[in-house]
């Protein structure tokens, strides 16, 4: 007997996460975890804290010149972080 209603486990998990409103927090955590890989170890060394609120990533940096430099490349950084996660998680970055 063959079952026609079989779904891949990945699709079932995504459906569950979406239904329980857990998809956004999970994607936000993935984006924060992807930060060191996207920006590299040297920039990550100056990163003190990261958090997301209202689709905005807030990044606390310990270097003012680096803060200015990253501000100039904000659009590309947003694109690369969202692409790494595979979802539109953030729309803006604020460097503090």
N, C-alpha and C. Protein backbone atom coordinates (compact mmCIF):
# COMPACT_ATOMS: atom_id res chain seq x y z
N UNK A 1 0.84 -1.17 0.00
CA UNK A 1 0.00 0.00 0.00
C UNK A 1 0.89 1.24 0.00
N UNK A 2 0.71 2.12 -0.97
CA UNK A 2 1.52 3.32 -1.10
C UNK A 2 0.73 4.52 -0.58
N UNK A 3 1.41 5.37 0.22
CA UNK A 3 0.76 6.56 0.76
C UNK A 3 1.10 7.75 -0.13
N UNK A 4 0.10 8.50 -0.51
CA UNK A 4 0.29 9.65 -1.38
C UNK A 4 0.45 10.96 -0.61
N UNK A 5 0.18 10.95 0.69
CA UNK A 5 0.22 12.18 1.47
C UNK A 5 1.52 12.35 2.25
N UNK A 6 2.60 11.74 1.79
CA UNK A 6 3.88 11.81 2.46
C UNK A 6 4.54 13.15 2.15
N UNK A 7 5.03 13.83 3.21
CA UNK A 7 5.74 15.10 3.06
C UNK A 7 7.14 14.96 3.64
N UNK A 8 8.11 15.67 3.06
CA UNK A 8 9.47 15.63 3.62
C UNK A 8 9.47 16.20 5.04
N UNK A 9 10.31 15.66 5.90
CA UNK A 9 10.38 16.09 7.29
C UNK A 9 10.75 17.56 7.41
N UNK A 10 11.60 18.07 6.51
CA UNK A 10 11.99 19.48 6.54
C UNK A 10 10.79 20.39 6.33
N UNK A 11 9.90 20.01 5.41
CA UNK A 11 8.70 20.81 5.15
C UNK A 11 7.77 20.80 6.35
N UNK A 12 7.67 19.66 7.01
CA UNK A 12 6.83 19.56 8.21
C UNK A 12 7.37 20.43 9.34
N UNK A 13 8.68 20.43 9.52
CA UNK A 13 9.29 21.25 10.57
C UNK A 13 9.09 22.73 10.27
N UNK A 14 9.32 23.15 9.03
CA UNK A 14 9.10 24.56 8.66
C UNK A 14 7.66 24.97 8.89
N UNK A 15 6.73 24.10 8.52
CA UNK A 15 5.31 24.37 8.72
C UNK A 15 4.99 24.53 10.20
N UNK A 16 5.55 23.65 11.03
CA UNK A 16 5.33 23.74 12.48
C UNK A 16 5.89 25.04 13.04
N UNK A 17 7.12 25.39 12.66
CA UNK A 17 7.74 26.61 13.15
C UNK A 17 6.94 27.84 12.75
N UNK A 18 6.45 27.86 11.52
CA UNK A 18 5.64 28.98 11.05
C UNK A 18 4.33 29.06 11.81
N UNK A 19 3.70 27.93 12.02
CA UNK A 19 2.40 27.88 12.71
C UNK A 19 2.53 28.33 14.17
N UNK A 20 3.63 27.98 14.82
CA UNK A 20 3.85 28.32 16.22
C UNK A 20 4.57 29.65 16.41
N UNK A 21 4.75 30.41 15.33
CA UNK A 21 5.43 31.72 15.36
C UNK A 21 6.85 31.63 15.90
N UNK A 22 7.53 30.58 15.55
CA UNK A 22 8.92 30.38 15.98
C UNK A 22 9.92 30.62 14.86
N UNK A 23 9.43 30.81 13.65
CA UNK A 23 10.32 30.96 12.51
C UNK A 23 11.14 32.25 12.59
N UNK A 24 10.52 33.37 12.93
CA UNK A 24 11.25 34.64 13.00
C UNK A 24 12.33 34.64 14.07
N UNK A 25 12.03 34.22 15.31
CA UNK A 25 13.11 34.19 16.31
C UNK A 25 14.25 33.25 15.92
N UNK A 26 13.92 32.16 15.28
CA UNK A 26 14.95 31.22 14.84
C UNK A 26 15.84 31.85 13.77
N UNK A 27 15.23 32.53 12.80
CA UNK A 27 16.00 33.21 11.76
C UNK A 27 16.84 34.34 12.33
N UNK A 28 16.32 35.05 13.33
CA UNK A 28 17.10 36.12 13.98
C UNK A 28 18.33 35.53 14.66
N UNK A 29 18.17 34.40 15.34
CA UNK A 29 19.31 33.75 16.00
C UNK A 29 20.32 33.27 14.96
N UNK A 30 19.83 32.74 13.84
CA UNK A 30 20.74 32.30 12.77
C UNK A 30 21.54 33.47 12.22
N UNK A 31 20.89 34.62 12.05
CA UNK A 31 21.57 35.79 11.51
C UNK A 31 22.65 36.26 12.48
N UNK A 32 22.34 36.32 13.75
CA UNK A 32 23.34 36.74 14.75
C UNK A 32 24.51 35.76 14.77
N UNK A 33 24.22 34.48 14.66
CA UNK A 33 25.29 33.47 14.63
C UNK A 33 26.11 33.54 13.35
N UNK A 34 25.53 34.06 12.26
CA UNK A 34 26.23 34.16 10.99
C UNK A 34 27.14 35.40 10.93
N UNK A 35 26.96 36.35 11.83
CA UNK A 35 27.73 37.59 11.83
C UNK A 35 29.25 37.35 11.72
N UNK A 36 29.86 36.52 12.58
CA UNK A 36 31.32 36.33 12.48
C UNK A 36 31.77 35.78 11.14
N UNK A 37 30.99 34.89 10.56
CA UNK A 37 31.35 34.31 9.28
C UNK A 37 31.24 35.32 8.14
N UNK A 38 30.22 36.17 8.19
CA UNK A 38 30.00 37.14 7.12
C UNK A 38 31.01 38.28 7.18
N UNK A 39 31.29 38.80 8.38
CA UNK A 39 32.20 39.96 8.49
C UNK A 39 33.66 39.56 8.66
N UNK A 40 33.91 38.35 9.10
CA UNK A 40 35.28 37.90 9.30
C UNK A 40 35.74 38.07 10.74
N UNK A 41 36.81 37.39 11.08
CA UNK A 41 37.32 37.37 12.46
C UNK A 41 37.84 38.72 12.92
N UNK A 42 38.47 39.48 12.02
CA UNK A 42 39.05 40.76 12.43
C UNK A 42 37.98 41.78 12.83
N UNK A 43 36.89 41.86 12.07
CA UNK A 43 35.80 42.77 12.42
C UNK A 43 35.04 42.23 13.63
N UNK A 44 34.84 40.93 13.68
CA UNK A 44 34.13 40.34 14.81
C UNK A 44 34.85 40.60 16.13
N UNK A 45 36.17 40.75 16.10
CA UNK A 45 36.94 41.02 17.31
C UNK A 45 36.54 42.36 17.93
N UNK A 46 36.06 43.30 17.12
CA UNK A 46 35.63 44.61 17.62
C UNK A 46 34.14 44.67 17.93
N UNK A 47 33.44 43.55 17.74
CA UNK A 47 32.01 43.49 17.99
C UNK A 47 31.77 43.12 19.45
N UNK A 48 31.00 43.97 20.13
CA UNK A 48 30.74 43.74 21.55
C UNK A 48 29.40 43.05 21.77
N UNK A 49 28.37 43.47 21.07
CA UNK A 49 27.03 42.93 21.29
C UNK A 49 26.21 43.08 20.02
N UNK A 50 25.32 42.12 19.78
CA UNK A 50 24.40 42.14 18.64
C UNK A 50 23.01 41.81 19.15
N UNK A 51 22.02 42.55 18.67
CA UNK A 51 20.63 42.16 18.91
C UNK A 51 19.75 42.73 17.81
N UNK A 52 18.60 42.10 17.62
CA UNK A 52 17.67 42.49 16.57
C UNK A 52 16.36 42.93 17.21
N UNK A 53 15.87 44.08 16.75
CA UNK A 53 14.57 44.58 17.19
C UNK A 53 13.89 45.24 16.00
N UNK A 54 12.67 44.83 15.72
CA UNK A 54 11.87 45.40 14.61
C UNK A 54 12.62 45.36 13.28
N UNK A 55 13.19 44.23 12.95
CA UNK A 55 13.93 43.99 11.72
C UNK A 55 15.14 44.91 11.55
N UNK A 56 15.68 45.39 12.66
CA UNK A 56 16.89 46.21 12.65
C UNK A 56 17.93 45.52 13.51
N UNK A 57 19.11 45.32 12.94
CA UNK A 57 20.23 44.73 13.67
C UNK A 57 21.02 45.85 14.34
N UNK A 58 21.17 45.76 15.65
CA UNK A 58 21.94 46.73 16.41
C UNK A 58 23.28 46.09 16.75
N UNK A 59 24.36 46.76 16.35
CA UNK A 59 25.71 46.23 16.52
C UNK A 59 26.52 47.21 17.36
N UNK A 60 27.00 46.76 18.51
CA UNK A 60 27.86 47.57 19.36
C UNK A 60 29.30 47.27 18.98
N UNK A 61 30.01 48.31 18.54
CA UNK A 61 31.40 48.16 18.12
C UNK A 61 32.31 48.95 19.06
N UNK A 62 33.53 48.47 19.25
CA UNK A 62 34.48 49.13 20.14
C UNK A 62 35.43 50.05 19.37
N UNK A 63 35.25 50.19 18.07
CA UNK A 63 36.14 51.01 17.24
C UNK A 63 35.31 52.01 16.43
N UNK A 64 35.53 53.30 16.68
CA UNK A 64 34.80 54.34 15.95
C UNK A 64 35.13 54.34 14.45
N UNK A 65 36.41 54.20 14.05
CA UNK A 65 36.71 54.17 12.62
C UNK A 65 36.04 52.97 11.91
N UNK A 66 36.01 51.83 12.57
CA UNK A 66 35.35 50.67 12.00
C UNK A 66 33.85 50.91 11.89
N UNK A 67 33.27 51.56 12.87
CA UNK A 67 31.84 51.89 12.85
C UNK A 67 31.53 52.73 11.61
N UNK A 68 32.36 53.70 11.31
CA UNK A 68 32.17 54.57 10.14
C UNK A 68 32.32 53.78 8.84
N UNK A 69 33.33 52.93 8.80
CA UNK A 69 33.58 52.14 7.59
C UNK A 69 32.44 51.17 7.31
N UNK A 70 31.94 50.50 8.35
CA UNK A 70 30.83 49.57 8.16
C UNK A 70 29.54 50.30 7.79
N UNK A 71 29.37 51.51 8.27
CA UNK A 71 28.19 52.29 7.91
C UNK A 71 28.13 52.55 6.40
N UNK A 72 29.29 52.72 5.80
CA UNK A 72 29.34 52.97 4.35
C UNK A 72 28.96 51.72 3.56
N UNK A 73 29.22 50.53 4.10
CA UNK A 73 28.90 49.29 3.42
C UNK A 73 27.66 48.60 3.97
N UNK A 74 26.80 49.37 4.60
CA UNK A 74 25.61 48.83 5.28
C UNK A 74 24.71 48.01 4.34
N UNK A 75 24.43 48.52 3.15
CA UNK A 75 23.51 47.85 2.22
C UNK A 75 24.02 46.47 1.82
N UNK A 76 25.27 46.38 1.49
CA UNK A 76 25.86 45.09 1.10
C UNK A 76 25.89 44.13 2.28
N UNK A 77 26.17 44.64 3.46
CA UNK A 77 26.20 43.80 4.66
C UNK A 77 24.82 43.23 4.97
N UNK A 78 23.79 44.04 4.84
CA UNK A 78 22.40 43.57 5.05
C UNK A 78 22.08 42.46 4.06
N UNK A 79 22.43 42.69 2.80
CA UNK A 79 22.18 41.70 1.76
C UNK A 79 22.89 40.38 2.06
N UNK A 80 24.17 40.46 2.43
CA UNK A 80 24.95 39.25 2.71
C UNK A 80 24.45 38.49 3.93
N UNK A 81 24.05 39.20 4.97
CA UNK A 81 23.53 38.53 6.17
C UNK A 81 22.21 37.84 5.88
N UNK A 82 21.30 38.54 5.20
CA UNK A 82 20.01 37.93 4.86
C UNK A 82 20.19 36.73 3.94
N UNK A 83 21.12 36.86 3.00
CA UNK A 83 21.38 35.77 2.06
C UNK A 83 21.94 34.55 2.79
N UNK A 84 22.79 34.78 3.76
CA UNK A 84 23.38 33.68 4.54
C UNK A 84 22.30 32.90 5.29
N UNK A 85 21.30 33.62 5.82
CA UNK A 85 20.21 32.98 6.55
C UNK A 85 19.19 32.37 5.60
N UNK A 86 19.05 32.96 4.43
CA UNK A 86 18.08 32.46 3.46
C UNK A 86 16.69 33.03 3.66
N UNK A 87 16.62 34.18 4.35
CA UNK A 87 15.33 34.84 4.59
C UNK A 87 15.57 36.34 4.79
N UNK A 88 14.54 37.12 4.59
CA UNK A 88 14.61 38.57 4.81
C UNK A 88 14.38 38.82 6.31
N UNK A 89 15.46 38.84 7.09
CA UNK A 89 15.38 38.96 8.54
C UNK A 89 15.52 40.42 8.97
N UNK A 90 16.46 41.15 8.35
CA UNK A 90 16.70 42.55 8.73
C UNK A 90 16.56 43.46 7.52
N UNK A 91 16.18 44.70 7.80
CA UNK A 91 16.07 45.73 6.76
C UNK A 91 17.08 46.84 6.98
N UNK A 92 17.67 46.90 8.17
CA UNK A 92 18.59 47.99 8.50
C UNK A 92 19.59 47.50 9.55
N UNK A 93 20.71 48.21 9.64
CA UNK A 93 21.72 47.96 10.67
C UNK A 93 22.05 49.29 11.30
N UNK A 94 22.11 49.30 12.62
CA UNK A 94 22.53 50.48 13.37
C UNK A 94 23.82 50.12 14.09
N UNK A 95 24.86 50.89 13.82
CA UNK A 95 26.16 50.67 14.47
C UNK A 95 26.29 51.64 15.62
N UNK A 96 26.57 51.11 16.79
CA UNK A 96 26.67 51.95 18.00
C UNK A 96 28.05 51.80 18.61
